[in-house]
Amino acid sequence: MEILVGFVIALAIAMSGVGAGTVTAPTLILFLGMPLGPAVGTALVFGFVVKIIAAPVYWYRKQVNFRTLGWLVLGGLPGVVVGSLLLSRAVTDKYQGLVFLILGITIVIAAGRSFFPKSRRADGQIKDRSRWLAVIAAPIGLEVGFSSAGAGALGTTALMNMTPLTAAEVVGTDLFFGLVLSFVGGGVHLMTGQFNSAVILRLVIGGVIGAVLGANLATRMPSHWLRYALATWLVYLGGELFFKGYNIMGKVLAAVPHPH
């Protein structure tokens, strides 16, 4: 089952650009019954593998702006470390409902970005404010470490509005940013034991095949319909996680003794 899940997710990512963490973590939680902490750690490691397959393509095409990437990494790395450590302390029932709420909201917002064209401003003139990306990247890294979601949609939005990069450079630079966050965040989760090695292996087996196939299909067929379908699916997954968290928090609050 995990091999098929890995194949489908990687195929969709390679063809549509939807973030690996945004898709993988809720799928593992809702359909494979994996606990929150291991699901996020597993999603980060799987996302790293998928992205490292696609990254050389953008590097070869010179579609990565390493100066801009440096500003993103400067803020994103501390954020993803803190977020990963926070999650390792928040996997108890007391806080799990809140984490599910945050994850659900993040996924819905990230999916919503897919419904809007990633176009430049009409005048084509965008002031280079890339030095501020370190400030923006810190909470993005925090969210990625905490939930594995957000690097793709949030990072792309920041690059589109704060740098004069071309659309291809935005995608390539953000892909490398997500690659770094997945590597570091996944490493922290591995060190804290928040992962499932057997599931990772099966996801990667299917994911490698899906990523290679998707990368080839992406150049031969339009992907916008797949993007919209995935975005709709993600809105559903995000909603499910939100209400799952809402129910957990309701039970926790109901168990708290109230003074008479």
C-alpha atoms as a PDB file:
ATOM      1  CA  MET A   1       0.000   0.000   0.000  1.00  0.00           C
ATOM      2  CA  GLU A   2       2.778   2.457   0.946  1.00  0.00           C
ATOM      3  CA  ILE A   3       4.582   1.788  -2.369  1.00  0.00           C
ATOM      4  CA  LEU A   4       1.453   2.788  -4.283  1.00  0.00           C
ATOM      5  CA  VAL A   5       0.981   5.870  -2.083  1.00  0.00           C
ATOM      6  CA  GLY A   6       4.600   6.910  -2.665  1.00  0.00           C
ATOM      7  CA  PHE A   7       4.261   6.414  -6.414  1.00  0.00           C
ATOM      8  CA  VAL A   8       1.047   8.437  -6.714  1.00  0.00           C
ATOM      9  CA  ILE A   9       2.285  11.290  -4.506  1.00  0.00           C
ATOM     10  CA  ALA A  10       5.651  11.568  -6.269  1.00  0.00           C
ATOM     11  CA  LEU A  11       3.984  11.400  -9.692  1.00  0.00           C
ATOM     12  CA  ALA A  12       1.635  14.223  -8.728  1.00  0.00           C
ATOM     13  CA  ILE A  13       4.445  16.316  -7.234  1.00  0.00           C
ATOM     14  CA  ALA A  14       6.640  15.954 -10.313  1.00  0.00           C
ATOM     15  CA  MET A  15       3.778  16.888 -12.646  1.00  0.00           C
ATOM     16  CA  SER A  16       2.083  19.642 -10.664  1.00  0.00           C
ATOM     17  CA  GLY A  17       4.570  21.069  -8.190  1.00  0.00           C
ATOM     18  CA  VAL A  18       2.317  20.450  -5.149  1.00  0.00           C
ATOM     19  CA  GLY A  19       4.484  20.175  -2.034  1.00  0.00           C
ATOM     20  CA  ALA A  20       5.572  16.736  -0.866  1.00  0.00           C
ATOM     21  CA  GLY A  21       5.021  17.450   2.831  1.00  0.00           C
ATOM     22  CA  THR A  22       1.592  18.953   2.230  1.00  0.00           C
ATOM     23  CA  VAL A  23       0.363  15.751   0.583  1.00  0.00           C
ATOM     24  CA  THR A  24       2.285  13.040   2.413  1.00  0.00           C
ATOM     25  CA  ALA A  25       1.727  13.799   6.107  1.00  0.00           C
ATOM     26  CA  PRO A  26      -2.097  13.973   6.031  1.00  0.00           C
ATOM     27  CA  THR A  27      -2.248  10.863   3.832  1.00  0.00           C
ATOM     28  CA  LEU A  28      -0.141   8.903   6.325  1.00  0.00           C
ATOM     29  CA  ILE A  29      -2.238  10.153   9.260  1.00  0.00           C
ATOM     30  CA  LEU A  30      -5.726   9.792   7.819  1.00  0.00           C
ATOM     31  CA  PHE A  31      -5.412   6.704   5.604  1.00  0.00           C
ATOM     32  CA  LEU A  32      -2.504   4.684   7.009  1.00  0.00           C
ATOM     33  CA  GLY A  33      -3.231   5.449  10.659  1.00  0.00           C
ATOM     34  CA  MET A  34       0.286   6.691  11.451  1.00  0.00           C
ATOM     35  CA  PRO A  35       0.755   8.791  14.614  1.00  0.00           C
ATOM     36  CA  LEU A  36       1.386  12.508  14.145  1.00  0.00           C
ATOM     37  CA  GLY A  37       5.108  12.701  15.010  1.00  0.00           C
ATOM     38  CA  PRO A  38       6.282   9.772  12.865  1.00  0.00           C
ATOM     39  CA  ALA A  39       4.010  10.910  10.017  1.00  0.00           C
ATOM     40  CA  VAL A  40       5.651  14.352   9.850  1.00  0.00           C
ATOM     41  CA  GLY A  41       9.172  12.925  10.128  1.00  0.00           C
ATOM     42  CA  THR A  42       8.455  10.296   7.490  1.00  0.00           C
ATOM     43  CA  ALA A  43       6.949  12.929   5.180  1.00  0.00           C
ATOM     44  CA  LEU A  44      10.036  15.139   5.510  1.00  0.00           C
ATOM     45  CA  VAL A  45      12.440  12.318   4.655  1.00  0.00           C
ATOM     46  CA  PHE A  46      10.270  11.210   1.733  1.00  0.00           C
ATOM     47  CA  GLY A  47      10.028  14.819   0.515  1.00  0.00           C
ATOM     48  CA  PHE A  48      13.823  15.094   0.572  1.00  0.00           C
ATOM     49  CA  VAL A  49      14.190  12.006  -1.605  1.00  0.00           C
ATOM     50  CA  VAL A  50      11.594  13.205  -4.142  1.00  0.00           C
ATOM     51  CA  LYS A  51      13.080  16.702  -4.348  1.00  0.00           C
ATOM     52  CA  ILE A  52      16.657  15.527  -4.699  1.00  0.00           C
ATOM     53  CA  ILE A  53      15.599  13.662  -7.839  1.00  0.00           C
ATOM     54  CA  ALA A  54      14.111  16.800  -9.389  1.00  0.00           C
ATOM     55  CA  ALA A  55      16.691  19.302  -8.102  1.00  0.00           C
ATOM     56  CA  PRO A  56      19.525  18.469 -10.557  1.00  0.00           C
ATOM     57  CA  VAL A  57      17.225  19.318 -13.476  1.00  0.00           C
ATOM     58  CA  TYR A  58      16.796  22.917 -12.283  1.00  0.00           C
ATOM     59  CA  TRP A  59      20.501  23.179 -11.414  1.00  0.00           C
ATOM     60  CA  TYR A  60      21.465  21.996 -14.897  1.00  0.00           C
ATOM     61  CA  ARG A  61      19.085  24.540 -16.476  1.00  0.00           C
ATOM     62  CA  LYS A  62      20.609  27.301 -14.283  1.00  0.00           C
ATOM     63  CA  GLN A  63      17.187  28.058 -12.794  1.00  0.00           C
ATOM     64  CA  VAL A  64      18.369  28.349  -9.187  1.00  0.00           C
ATOM     65  CA  ASN A  65      19.362  31.726  -7.728  1.00  0.00           C
ATOM     66  CA  PHE A  66      21.806  30.776  -5.001  1.00  0.00           C
ATOM     67  CA  ARG A  67      22.079  34.304  -3.579  1.00  0.00           C
ATOM     68  CA  THR A  68      18.332  34.347  -2.945  1.00  0.00           C
ATOM     69  CA  LEU A  69      18.476  30.764  -1.706  1.00  0.00           C
ATOM     70  CA  GLY A  70      21.091  31.851   0.838  1.00  0.00           C
ATOM     71  CA  TRP A  71      18.712  34.401   2.381  1.00  0.00           C
ATOM     72  CA  LEU A  72      15.947  31.792   2.558  1.00  0.00           C
ATOM     73  CA  VAL A  73      18.202  29.229   4.202  1.00  0.00           C
ATOM     74  CA  LEU A  74      19.528  31.813   6.684  1.00  0.00           C
ATOM     75  CA  GLY A  75      16.076  32.184   8.213  1.00  0.00           C
ATOM     76  CA  GLY A  76      14.580  28.806   7.345  1.00  0.00           C
ATOM     77  CA  LEU A  77      17.200  26.549   8.955  1.00  0.00           C
ATOM     78  CA  PRO A  78      16.794  27.798  12.549  1.00  0.00           C
ATOM     79  CA  GLY A  79      13.027  27.757  12.033  1.00  0.00           C
ATOM     80  CA  VAL A  80      12.838  24.156  10.855  1.00  0.00           C
ATOM     81  CA  VAL A  81      15.058  22.961  13.728  1.00  0.00           C
ATOM     82  CA  VAL A  82      12.889  24.727  16.321  1.00  0.00           C
ATOM     83  CA  GLY A  83       9.683  23.493  14.667  1.00  0.00           C
ATOM     84  CA  SER A  84      10.906  19.890  14.602  1.00  0.00           C
ATOM     85  CA  LEU A  85      11.922  20.004  18.264  1.00  0.00           C
ATOM     86  CA  LEU A  86       8.592  21.580  19.226  1.00  0.00           C
ATOM     87  CA  LEU A  87       6.683  18.790  17.499  1.00  0.00           C
ATOM     88  CA  SER A  88       8.668  16.133  19.379  1.00  0.00           C
ATOM     89  CA  ARG A  89       7.334  17.695  22.601  1.00  0.00           C
ATOM     90  CA  ALA A  90       3.782  18.197  21.355  1.00  0.00           C
ATOM     91  CA  VAL A  91       2.800  14.675  20.341  1.00  0.00           C
ATOM     92  CA  THR A  92       0.912  13.985  23.564  1.00  0.00           C
ATOM     93  CA  ASP A  93      -2.885  13.935  23.464  1.00  0.00           C
ATOM     94  CA  LYS A  94      -2.956  17.272  25.283  1.00  0.00           C
ATOM     95  CA  TYR A  95      -1.367  19.113  22.353  1.00  0.00           C
ATOM     96  CA  GLN A  96      -2.054  16.781  19.430  1.00  0.00           C
ATOM     97  CA  GLY A  97      -5.451  18.351  18.740  1.00  0.00           C
ATOM     98  CA  LEU A  98      -3.858  21.797  18.412  1.00  0.00           C
ATOM     99  CA  VAL A  99      -1.204  20.428  16.043  1.00  0.00           C
ATOM    100  CA  PHE A 100      -3.888  18.839  13.868  1.00  0.00           C
ATOM    101  CA  LEU A 101      -5.733  22.167  13.765  1.00  0.00           C
ATOM    102  CA  ILE A 102      -2.584  24.023  12.669  1.00  0.00           C
ATOM    103  CA  LEU A 103      -1.710  21.355  10.107  1.00  0.00           C
ATOM    104  CA  GLY A 104      -5.226  21.362   8.664  1.00  0.00           C
ATOM    105  CA  ILE A 105      -5.320  25.156   8.303  1.00  0.00           C
ATOM    106  CA  THR A 106      -1.848  25.220   6.721  1.00  0.00           C
ATOM    107  CA  ILE A 107      -2.787  22.574   4.173  1.00  0.00           C
ATOM    108  CA  VAL A 108      -5.990  24.372   3.176  1.00  0.00           C
ATOM    109  CA  ILE A 109      -4.084  27.661   2.713  1.00  0.00           C
ATOM    110  CA  ALA A 110      -1.313  25.951   0.748  1.00  0.00           C
ATOM    111  CA  ALA A 111      -3.830  24.143  -1.442  1.00  0.00           C
ATOM    112  CA  GLY A 112      -5.728  27.379  -2.031  1.00  0.00           C
ATOM    113  CA  ARG A 113      -2.628  28.852  -3.661  1.00  0.00           C
ATOM    114  CA  SER A 114      -2.930  26.259  -6.429  1.00  0.00           C
ATOM    115  CA  PHE A 115      -6.230  27.755  -7.592  1.00  0.00           C
ATOM    116  CA  PHE A 116      -4.574  31.041  -8.485  1.00  0.00           C
ATOM    117  CA  PRO A 117      -2.196  31.528 -11.421  1.00  0.00           C
ATOM    118  CA  LYS A 118       1.385  32.129 -10.364  1.00  0.00           C
ATOM    119  CA  SER A 119       1.788  35.205 -12.527  1.00  0.00           C
ATOM    120  CA  ARG A 120       4.036  38.217 -12.224  1.00  0.00           C
ATOM    121  CA  ARG A 121       2.775  41.738 -11.709  1.00  0.00           C
ATOM    122  CA  ALA A 122       1.404  43.467 -14.778  1.00  0.00           C
ATOM    123  CA  ASP A 123       4.275  45.973 -15.080  1.00  0.00           C
ATOM    124  CA  GLY A 124       6.857  43.244 -14.617  1.00  0.00           C
ATOM    125  CA  GLN A 125       8.758  45.472 -12.154  1.00  0.00           C
ATOM    126  CA  ILE A 126       9.304  43.970  -8.722  1.00  0.00           C
ATOM    127  CA  LYS A 127      11.702  45.600  -6.298  1.00  0.00           C
ATOM    128  CA  ASP A 128      14.375  43.215  -5.058  1.00  0.00           C
ATOM    129  CA  ARG A 129      13.678  42.764  -1.350  1.00  0.00           C
ATOM    130  CA  SER A 130      15.427  39.416  -1.083  1.00  0.00           C
ATOM    131  CA  ARG A 131      17.290  40.434   2.089  1.00  0.00           C
ATOM    132  CA  TRP A 132      13.975  40.376   3.930  1.00  0.00           C
ATOM    133  CA  LEU A 133      13.488  36.747   2.913  1.00  0.00           C
ATOM    134  CA  ALA A 134      15.454  35.586   5.958  1.00  0.00           C
ATOM    135  CA  VAL A 135      12.749  37.100   8.189  1.00  0.00           C
ATOM    136  CA  ILE A 136       9.947  35.563   6.112  1.00  0.00           C
ATOM    137  CA  ALA A 137      11.677  32.173   5.879  1.00  0.00           C
ATOM    138  CA  ALA A 138      11.976  31.721   9.661  1.00  0.00           C
ATOM    139  CA  PRO A 139       8.237  31.089  10.283  1.00  0.00           C
ATOM    140  CA  ILE A 140       8.073  29.053   7.053  1.00  0.00           C
ATOM    141  CA  GLY A 141      10.824  26.787   8.391  1.00  0.00           C
ATOM    142  CA  LEU A 142       9.058  26.611  11.753  1.00  0.00           C
ATOM    143  CA  GLU A 143       5.864  25.441  10.032  1.00  0.00           C
ATOM    144  CA  VAL A 144       7.719  22.868   7.911  1.00  0.00           C
ATOM    145  CA  GLY A 145       9.461  21.372  10.947  1.00  0.00           C
ATOM    146  CA  PHE A 146       6.200  21.355  12.907  1.00  0.00           C
ATOM    147  CA  SER A 147       3.900  19.951  10.213  1.00  0.00           C
ATOM    148  CA  SER A 148       6.063  19.186   7.100  1.00  0.00           C
ATOM    149  CA  ALA A 149       3.740  21.475   5.090  1.00  0.00           C
ATOM    150  CA  GLY A 150       4.078  24.962   3.674  1.00  0.00           C
ATOM    151  CA  ALA A 151       7.525  25.267   2.051  1.00  0.00           C
ATOM    152  CA  GLY A 152       6.199  25.038  -1.507  1.00  0.00           C
ATOM    153  CA  ALA A 153       3.220  27.402  -1.387  1.00  0.00           C
ATOM    154  CA  LEU A 154       4.552  29.857   1.198  1.00  0.00           C
ATOM    155  CA  GLY A 155       8.082  29.933  -0.211  1.00  0.00           C
ATOM    156  CA  THR A 156       6.832  30.454  -3.748  1.00  0.00           C
ATOM    157  CA  THR A 157       4.546  33.283  -2.634  1.00  0.00           C
ATOM    158  CA  ALA A 158       7.440  35.069  -0.904  1.00  0.00           C
ATOM    159  CA  LEU A 159       9.725  34.718  -3.922  1.00  0.00           C
ATOM    160  CA  MET A 160       7.072  35.886  -6.366  1.00  0.00           C
ATOM    161  CA  ASN A 161       6.366  39.057  -4.393  1.00  0.00           C
ATOM    162  CA  MET A 162       9.804  39.960  -3.054  1.00  0.00           C
ATOM    163  CA  THR A 163      12.242  39.151  -5.872  1.00  0.00           C
ATOM    164  CA  PRO A 164      12.512  39.843  -9.619  1.00  0.00           C
ATOM    165  CA  LEU A 165      13.204  36.161 -10.358  1.00  0.00           C
ATOM    166  CA  THR A 166      11.622  34.552 -13.399  1.00  0.00           C
ATOM    167  CA  ALA A 167       8.885  31.959 -12.851  1.00  0.00           C
ATOM    168  CA  ALA A 168      11.326  29.116 -13.578  1.00  0.00           C
ATOM    169  CA  GLU A 169      13.867  30.558 -11.117  1.00  0.00           C
ATOM    170  CA  VAL A 170      11.147  30.862  -8.474  1.00  0.00           C
ATOM    171  CA  VAL A 171      10.292  27.183  -8.829  1.00  0.00           C
ATOM    172  CA  GLY A 172      13.928  26.054  -8.905  1.00  0.00           C
ATOM    173  CA  THR A 173      15.013  28.221  -5.971  1.00  0.00           C
ATOM    174  CA  ASP A 174      12.023  27.232  -3.852  1.00  0.00           C
ATOM    175  CA  LEU A 175      12.620  23.562  -4.698  1.00  0.00           C
ATOM    176  CA  PHE A 176      16.163  23.803  -3.316  1.00  0.00           C
ATOM    177  CA  PHE A 177      14.848  25.677  -0.269  1.00  0.00           C
ATOM    178  CA  GLY A 178      12.386  22.855   0.372  1.00  0.00           C
ATOM    179  CA  LEU A 179      15.169  20.333  -0.206  1.00  0.00           C
ATOM    180  CA  VAL A 180      17.337  21.923   2.501  1.00  0.00           C
ATOM    181  CA  LEU A 181      14.435  22.172   4.957  1.00  0.00           C
ATOM    182  CA  SER A 182      13.438  18.546   4.331  1.00  0.00           C
ATOM    183  CA  PHE A 183      17.025  17.384   4.854  1.00  0.00           C
ATOM    184  CA  VAL A 184      17.531  19.265   8.126  1.00  0.00           C
ATOM    185  CA  GLY A 185      13.998  18.775   9.473  1.00  0.00           C
ATOM    186  CA  GLY A 186      14.018  15.107   8.510  1.00  0.00           C
ATOM    187  CA  GLY A 187      17.387  14.713  10.230  1.00  0.00           C
ATOM    188  CA  VAL A 188      16.054  16.188  13.474  1.00  0.00           C
ATOM    189  CA  HIS A 189      13.050  13.873  13.358  1.00  0.00           C
ATOM    190  CA  LEU A 190      15.329  10.903  12.717  1.00  0.00           C
ATOM    191  CA  MET A 191      17.465  11.821  15.747  1.00  0.00           C
ATOM    192  CA  THR A 192      14.382  12.162  17.965  1.00  0.00           C
ATOM    193  CA  GLY A 193      12.949   8.878  16.709  1.00  0.00           C
ATOM    194  CA  GLN A 194       9.913  10.474  15.059  1.00  0.00           C
ATOM    195  CA  PHE A 195       9.813   8.363  11.878  1.00  0.00           C
ATOM    196  CA  ASN A 196       8.903   4.938  10.528  1.00  0.00           C
ATOM    197  CA  SER A 197      11.810   3.401   8.625  1.00  0.00           C
ATOM    198  CA  ALA A 198       9.761   0.600   7.038  1.00  0.00           C
ATOM    199  CA  VAL A 199       7.169   3.039   5.683  1.00  0.00           C
ATOM    200  CA  ILE A 200       9.900   5.406   4.445  1.00  0.00           C
ATOM    201  CA  LEU A 201      11.530   2.589   2.492  1.00  0.00           C
ATOM    202  CA  ARG A 202       8.283   1.552   0.807  1.00  0.00           C
ATOM    203  CA  LEU A 203       7.321   5.163   0.057  1.00  0.00           C
ATOM    204  CA  VAL A 204      10.729   5.792  -1.507  1.00  0.00           C
ATOM    205  CA  ILE A 205      10.504   2.672  -3.704  1.00  0.00           C
ATOM    206  CA  GLY A 206       7.255   3.924  -5.199  1.00  0.00           C
ATOM    207  CA  GLY A 207       8.330   7.564  -5.052  1.00  0.00           C
ATOM    208  CA  VAL A 208      11.476   7.161  -7.142  1.00  0.00           C
ATOM    209  CA  ILE A 209       9.491   5.524  -9.934  1.00  0.00           C
ATOM    210  CA  GLY A 210       6.739   8.131  -9.703  1.00  0.00           C
ATOM    211  CA  ALA A 211       9.168  11.067  -9.667  1.00  0.00           C
ATOM    212  CA  VAL A 212      11.052   9.873 -12.742  1.00  0.00           C
ATOM    213  CA  LEU A 213       7.845   9.126 -14.645  1.00  0.00           C
ATOM    214  CA  GLY A 214       6.241  12.402 -13.581  1.00  0.00           C
ATOM    215  CA  ALA A 215       9.277  14.450 -14.593  1.00  0.00           C
ATOM    216  CA  ASN A 216       9.062  12.993 -18.090  1.00  0.00           C
ATOM    217  CA  LEU A 217       5.278  13.347 -18.383  1.00  0.00           C
ATOM    218  CA  ALA A 218       5.360  16.936 -17.133  1.00  0.00           C
ATOM    219  CA  THR A 219       7.130  18.070 -20.308  1.00  0.00           C
ATOM    220  CA  ARG A 220       4.604  16.366 -22.573  1.00  0.00           C
ATOM    221  CA  MET A 221       1.202  17.165 -21.130  1.00  0.00           C
ATOM    222  CA  PRO A 222      -0.532  20.081 -19.332  1.00  0.00           C
ATOM    223  CA  SER A 223      -0.571  19.738 -15.568  1.00  0.00           C
ATOM    224  CA  HIS A 224      -3.025  22.466 -14.520  1.00  0.00           C
ATOM    225  CA  TRP A 225      -6.001  20.105 -14.329  1.00  0.00           C
ATOM    226  CA  LEU A 226      -4.017  17.727 -12.131  1.00  0.00           C
ATOM    227  CA  ARG A 227      -3.003  20.699  -9.964  1.00  0.00           C
ATOM    228  CA  TYR A 228      -6.636  21.712  -9.484  1.00  0.00           C
ATOM    229  CA  ALA A 229      -7.687  18.133  -8.698  1.00  0.00           C
ATOM    230  CA  LEU A 230      -4.904  17.785  -6.146  1.00  0.00           C
ATOM    231  CA  ALA A 231      -5.715  21.150  -4.610  1.00  0.00           C
ATOM    232  CA  THR A 232      -9.341  20.072  -4.161  1.00  0.00           C
ATOM    233  CA  TRP A 233      -8.182  16.815  -2.585  1.00  0.00           C
ATOM    234  CA  LEU A 234      -5.853  18.705  -0.250  1.00  0.00           C
ATOM    235  CA  VAL A 235      -8.650  21.023   0.857  1.00  0.00           C
ATOM    236  CA  TYR A 236     -10.592  17.888   1.821  1.00  0.00           C
ATOM    237  CA  LEU A 237      -7.583  16.413   3.677  1.00  0.00           C
ATOM    238  CA  GLY A 238      -6.936  19.705   5.464  1.00  0.00           C
ATOM    239  CA  GLY A 239     -10.573  19.905   6.514  1.00  0.00           C
ATOM    240  CA  GLU A 240     -10.483  16.350   7.828  1.00  0.00           C
ATOM    241  CA  LEU A 241      -7.377  17.095   9.897  1.00  0.00           C
ATOM    242  CA  PHE A 242      -8.917  20.325  11.196  1.00  0.00           C
ATOM    243  CA  PHE A 243     -12.057  18.576  12.432  1.00  0.00           C
ATOM    244  CA  LYS A 244      -9.994  15.684  13.807  1.00  0.00           C
ATOM    245  CA  GLY A 245      -8.030  18.206  15.861  1.00  0.00           C
ATOM    246  CA  TYR A 246     -11.231  20.010  16.868  1.00  0.00           C
ATOM    247  CA  ASN A 247     -12.724  16.762  18.192  1.00  0.00           C
ATOM    248  CA  ILE A 248      -9.548  15.850  20.097  1.00  0.00           C
ATOM    249  CA  MET A 249      -9.380  19.279  21.711  1.00  0.00           C
ATOM    250  CA  GLY A 250     -13.061  19.045  22.607  1.00  0.00           C
ATOM    251  CA  LYS A 251     -12.463  15.757  24.448  1.00  0.00           C
ATOM    252  CA  VAL A 252      -9.400  17.160  26.234  1.00  0.00           C
ATOM    253  CA  LEU A 253     -11.276  20.256  27.369  1.00  0.00           C
ATOM    254  CA  ALA A 254     -14.261  18.172  28.451  1.00  0.00           C
ATOM    255  CA  ALA A 255     -11.983  16.093  30.681  1.00  0.00           C
ATOM    256  CA  VAL A 256     -10.629  19.172  32.466  1.00  0.00           C
ATOM    257  CA  PRO A 257     -12.336  19.505  35.884  1.00  0.00           C
ATOM    258  CA  HIS A 258     -14.322  22.737  36.257  1.00  0.00           C
ATOM    259  CA  PRO A 259     -14.730  24.507  39.587  1.00  0.00           C
ATOM    260  CA  HIS A 260     -18.275  24.544  40.933  1.00  0.00           C
END
